[in-house]
Amino acid sequence: MEEKLDSENNDQTPNESQPKPEETLPTEPLQDNVVAETPKTEDKAESGQDIEEITAKEESRARHIFRIAIRIITGLLIVFGLGFLTATFLFYKPTLNQLNQTKNEMAKAQDTISSLNTQIDELEAESLKLQRDLDAQQALNQELQSKVSQKDLLVSILTARVYINQSYVSLVKNNINDSLASLNKTKDLLKTIENDIKLDQQNDLETIMQRLDLIITEIKTDTYAAQSDIDVLLTNLSQLEMSLFPEK
């Protein structure tokens, strides 16, 4: 009997730990409400997920478009940069080099022009100096030529006096032909100096020439008159010489 009671007690103990039907009844409506409200929540969640997915897709699409635009712009910038570099190396840099070369050539040309101008100035100064020297030399030459002419004139007059003295000696010796020859030499010689003397002295020379012609005429007819006129002729030549060379 005791074993049966113990077994009954053991059988009743687990039943006491189980929930009573009365206590679990209130929870069944709540579960129904939760179950009833769960689809709405899931619909809202799905709608939110759809919106998020759409938003994410739109953002992803915008990012994709933005990335494409960035790539296009970057590509254009790269192409533009390459084109600029190409234009720089193909056109600008050669043009710049040519411009620099032209500037250098112009600078060299300017230096050459300056050097040439300096040389021209030096040559002009040297030419001016040479011209002054030449003028001085010409003046000296003219002076020397004048002196030579004066010496030649003096020699001619002295030679004419020698010829007249020879004519006088020949006439004294009664050598008419030699006397005439000396007189003719004197006449030819005096003609050469006519243009080398001044006008007033040319009048004196003309008087001498007339006296000489008279002697040539007289020597054939009157030797004494010819001798006397030769003395006068020598005096006239001496006076002409003193007139031409007063410093002598």
Protein backbone atom coordinates (compact mmCIF):
# COMPACT_ATOMS: atom_id res chain seq x y z
CA MET A 1 0.00 0.00 0.00
CA GLU A 2 2.71 2.40 0.85
CA GLU A 3 4.41 1.69 -2.43
CA LYS A 4 1.21 2.48 -4.28
CA LEU A 5 0.84 5.70 -2.35
CA ASP A 6 4.39 6.64 -3.18
CA SER A 7 3.83 5.90 -6.76
CA GLU A 8 0.67 7.96 -6.77
CA ASN A 9 2.50 10.78 -5.13
CA ASN A 10 5.19 10.50 -7.70
CA ASP A 11 2.60 10.51 -10.40
CA GLN A 12 0.98 13.61 -8.97
CA THR A 13 4.20 15.57 -8.64
CA PRO A 14 4.86 16.00 -12.31
CA ASN A 15 1.27 17.02 -12.86
CA GLU A 16 1.64 19.79 -10.33
CA SER A 17 4.65 21.18 -12.24
CA GLN A 18 2.74 21.40 -15.49
CA PRO A 19 0.78 24.57 -16.08
CA LYS A 20 -2.85 24.56 -15.32
CA PRO A 21 -5.29 25.01 -18.18
CA GLU A 22 -6.79 28.03 -16.56
CA GLU A 23 -3.47 29.80 -16.39
CA THR A 24 -2.53 29.26 -20.07
CA LEU A 25 -5.86 30.36 -21.49
CA PRO A 26 -5.17 34.11 -21.29
CA THR A 27 -1.97 33.71 -23.32
CA GLU A 28 -3.65 32.17 -26.33
CA PRO A 29 -5.40 35.40 -27.47
CA LEU A 30 -2.09 37.32 -27.17
CA GLN A 31 -0.40 34.79 -29.37
CA ASP A 32 -3.21 35.18 -31.85
CA ASN A 33 -2.73 38.97 -31.80
CA VAL A 34 0.99 38.61 -32.27
CA VAL A 35 0.39 36.20 -35.08
CA ALA A 36 -2.20 38.57 -36.53
CA GLU A 37 0.10 41.60 -36.27
CA THR A 38 3.23 39.85 -37.64
CA PRO A 39 2.25 39.99 -41.35
CA LYS A 40 1.74 43.74 -41.15
CA THR A 41 5.13 44.18 -39.55
CA GLU A 42 6.71 41.94 -42.13
CA ASP A 43 4.99 43.91 -44.93
CA LYS A 44 6.32 47.12 -43.50
CA ALA A 45 9.77 45.61 -43.18
CA GLU A 46 9.62 44.34 -46.72
CA SER A 47 8.47 47.78 -47.91
CA GLY A 48 11.32 49.41 -46.01
CA GLN A 49 13.74 46.93 -47.44
CA ASP A 50 12.37 47.60 -50.93
CA ILE A 51 12.76 51.34 -50.42
CA GLU A 52 16.23 50.85 -49.08
CA GLU A 53 17.06 48.60 -51.99
CA ILE A 54 15.62 51.12 -54.46
CA THR A 55 17.48 53.92 -52.70
CA ALA A 56 20.62 51.84 -52.67
CA LYS A 57 20.16 51.04 -56.33
CA GLU A 58 19.56 54.71 -57.14
CA GLU A 59 22.61 55.67 -55.10
CA SER A 60 24.60 52.92 -56.74
CA ARG A 61 23.37 54.08 -60.14
CA ALA A 62 24.20 57.70 -59.30
CA ARG A 63 27.59 56.64 -58.07
CA HIS A 64 28.06 54.60 -61.20
CA ILE A 65 27.08 57.58 -63.37
CA PHE A 66 29.29 59.84 -61.26
CA ARG A 67 32.18 57.43 -61.60
CA ILE A 68 31.63 57.24 -65.35
CA ALA A 69 31.50 61.04 -65.51
CA ILE A 70 34.68 61.24 -63.41
CA ARG A 71 36.35 58.74 -65.71
CA ILE A 72 35.19 60.62 -68.79
CA ILE A 73 36.33 63.94 -67.36
CA THR A 74 39.61 62.36 -66.26
CA GLY A 75 40.04 60.86 -69.71
CA LEU A 76 39.26 64.21 -71.31
CA LEU A 77 41.72 65.91 -69.00
CA ILE A 78 44.34 63.30 -69.83
CA VAL A 79 43.64 63.69 -73.55
CA PHE A 80 43.72 67.47 -73.20
CA GLY A 81 46.93 67.25 -71.18
CA LEU A 82 48.49 64.94 -73.73
CA GLY A 83 47.32 67.23 -76.50
CA PHE A 84 48.75 70.22 -74.67
CA LEU A 85 52.04 68.43 -74.12
CA THR A 86 52.07 67.31 -77.74
CA ALA A 87 51.31 70.82 -78.93
CA THR A 88 53.96 72.13 -76.57
CA PHE A 89 56.63 69.78 -77.85
CA LEU A 90 55.52 69.95 -81.48
CA PHE A 91 54.67 73.62 -81.85
CA TYR A 92 55.28 75.78 -78.80
CA LYS A 93 58.68 74.48 -77.77
CA PRO A 94 60.14 74.53 -81.32
CA THR A 95 58.65 77.99 -81.78
CA LEU A 96 60.12 79.06 -78.44
CA ASN A 97 63.47 77.57 -79.41
CA GLN A 98 63.27 79.32 -82.77
CA LEU A 99 62.34 82.56 -81.01
CA ASN A 100 65.27 82.19 -78.61
CA GLN A 101 67.54 81.37 -81.53
CA THR A 102 66.23 84.40 -83.39
CA LYS A 103 66.82 86.55 -80.30
CA ASN A 104 70.35 85.19 -80.00
CA GLU A 105 70.96 85.85 -83.69
CA MET A 106 69.55 89.36 -83.31
CA ALA A 107 71.78 89.92 -80.29
CA LYS A 108 74.77 88.67 -82.26
CA ALA A 109 73.75 90.83 -85.21
CA GLN A 110 73.40 93.82 -82.90
CA ASP A 111 76.84 93.12 -81.47
CA THR A 112 78.19 92.81 -85.00
CA ILE A 113 76.50 96.08 -85.99
CA SER A 114 77.92 97.79 -82.90
CA SER A 115 81.36 96.40 -83.69
CA LEU A 116 81.05 97.50 -87.32
CA ASN A 117 79.87 100.94 -86.23
CA THR A 118 82.88 101.17 -83.95
CA GLN A 119 85.14 100.11 -86.80
CA ILE A 120 83.43 102.61 -89.10
CA ASP A 121 83.96 105.37 -86.54
CA GLU A 122 87.60 104.36 -86.21
CA LEU A 123 88.00 104.23 -89.99
CA GLU A 124 86.30 107.61 -90.35
CA ALA A 125 88.59 109.07 -87.71
CA GLU A 126 91.59 107.50 -89.42
CA SER A 127 90.33 108.69 -92.80
CA LEU A 128 89.89 112.19 -91.41
CA LYS A 129 93.40 112.06 -89.99
CA LEU A 130 94.72 110.78 -93.32
CA GLN A 131 92.81 113.52 -95.10
CA ARG A 132 94.36 116.13 -92.84
CA ASP A 133 97.74 114.56 -93.40
CA LEU A 134 97.04 114.48 -97.12
CA ASP A 135 95.96 118.12 -97.10
CA ALA A 136 99.08 119.00 -95.17
CA GLN A 137 101.15 116.92 -97.58
CA GLN A 138 99.46 118.54 -100.56
CA ALA A 139 100.06 121.95 -99.05
CA LEU A 140 103.67 120.95 -98.48
CA ASN A 141 103.88 119.59 -102.01
CA GLN A 142 102.40 122.79 -103.37
CA GLU A 143 104.85 124.77 -101.32
CA LEU A 144 107.70 122.60 -102.51
CA GLN A 145 106.38 122.77 -106.06
CA SER A 146 106.23 126.51 -105.77
CA LYS A 147 109.77 126.55 -104.49
CA VAL A 148 110.84 124.23 -107.28
CA SER A 149 109.10 126.46 -109.78
CA GLN A 150 110.81 129.45 -108.29
CA LYS A 151 114.13 127.65 -108.44
CA ASP A 152 113.44 126.65 -112.03
CA LEU A 153 112.56 130.25 -112.81
CA LEU A 154 115.75 131.42 -111.17
CA VAL A 155 117.74 128.80 -113.09
CA SER A 156 116.08 129.93 -116.34
CA ILE A 157 116.94 133.58 -115.72
CA LEU A 158 120.51 132.70 -114.74
CA THR A 159 120.81 130.50 -117.83
CA ALA A 160 119.47 133.34 -119.97
CA ARG A 161 122.16 135.63 -118.54
CA VAL A 162 124.76 132.97 -119.37
CA TYR A 163 123.48 132.78 -122.96
CA ILE A 164 123.59 136.57 -123.28
CA ASN A 165 127.14 136.69 -121.91
CA GLN A 166 128.12 133.99 -124.39
CA SER A 167 126.52 136.04 -127.16
CA TYR A 168 128.45 139.11 -126.06
CA VAL A 169 131.75 137.20 -126.02
CA SER A 170 131.08 135.76 -129.46
CA LEU A 171 130.15 139.20 -130.75
CA VAL A 172 133.39 140.67 -129.39
CA LYS A 173 135.24 137.90 -131.20
CA ASN A 174 133.27 138.85 -134.27
CA ASN A 175 131.66 135.42 -134.30
CA ILE A 176 128.24 136.53 -135.47
CA ASN A 177 126.70 133.08 -135.90
CA ASP A 178 127.57 131.91 -132.38
CA SER A 179 126.34 135.21 -131.00
CA LEU A 180 123.00 134.83 -132.85
CA ALA A 181 122.69 131.22 -131.67
CA SER A 182 123.12 132.29 -128.05
CA LEU A 183 120.57 135.08 -128.50
CA ASN A 184 118.00 132.66 -130.00
CA LYS A 185 118.49 130.25 -127.06
CA THR A 186 117.89 133.17 -124.73
CA LYS A 187 114.70 134.09 -126.56
CA ASP A 188 113.31 130.51 -126.42
CA LEU A 189 114.18 130.22 -122.76
CA LEU A 190 112.52 133.51 -121.79
CA LYS A 191 109.32 132.42 -123.53
CA THR A 192 109.05 129.42 -121.17
CA ILE A 193 109.04 131.59 -118.05
CA GLU A 194 106.38 133.97 -119.27
CA ASN A 195 103.56 132.07 -117.52
CA ASP A 196 105.54 131.66 -114.29
CA ILE A 197 105.80 135.33 -113.39
CA LYS A 198 103.33 137.96 -112.28
CA LEU A 199 101.60 140.41 -114.57
CA ASP A 200 103.72 143.45 -113.70
CA GLN A 201 106.81 141.31 -114.11
CA GLN A 202 105.46 140.11 -117.44
CA ASN A 203 105.61 143.72 -118.62
CA ASP A 204 109.28 143.82 -117.64
CA LEU A 205 109.78 140.55 -119.49
CA GLU A 206 108.04 141.97 -122.54
CA THR A 207 110.49 144.90 -122.52
CA ILE A 208 113.39 142.42 -122.31
CA MET A 209 111.99 140.44 -125.26
CA GLN A 210 111.73 143.63 -127.34
CA ARG A 211 115.32 144.54 -126.46
CA LEU A 212 116.40 141.01 -127.45
CA ASP A 213 114.70 141.28 -130.85
CA LEU A 214 116.44 144.63 -131.38
CA ILE A 215 119.86 143.08 -130.61
CA ILE A 216 119.20 140.21 -133.06
CA THR A 217 118.46 142.79 -135.74
CA GLU A 218 121.40 145.04 -134.89
CA ILE A 219 123.99 142.26 -134.66
CA LYS A 220 123.96 141.90 -138.44
CA THR A 221 124.34 145.58 -139.20
CA ASP A 222 125.80 147.36 -136.17
CA THR A 223 127.82 145.23 -133.76
CA TYR A 224 128.72 148.18 -131.52
CA ALA A 225 125.05 149.06 -130.98
CA ALA A 226 124.34 145.39 -130.41
CA GLN A 227 127.05 145.23 -127.74
CA SER A 228 125.61 148.29 -126.01
CA ASP A 229 122.06 146.83 -126.08
CA ILE A 230 123.38 143.53 -124.71
CA ASP A 231 124.72 145.42 -121.69
CA VAL A 232 121.27 147.01 -121.23
CA LEU A 233 119.65 143.56 -121.64
CA LEU A 234 121.85 142.09 -118.93
CA THR A 235 120.90 144.94 -116.63
CA ASN A 236 117.19 144.37 -117.33
CA LEU A 237 117.54 140.65 -116.56
CA SER A 238 119.32 141.46 -113.30
CA GLN A 239 116.50 143.81 -112.34
CA LEU A 240 113.89 141.11 -113.20
CA GLU A 241 115.79 138.63 -111.09
CA MET A 242 115.86 141.00 -108.14
CA SER A 243 112.12 141.59 -108.59
CA LEU A 244 111.37 137.87 -108.60
CA PHE A 245 113.73 136.95 -105.78
CA PRO A 246 114.11 139.92 -103.47
CA GLU A 247 115.37 137.68 -100.64
CA LYS A 248 118.25 136.44 -102.75
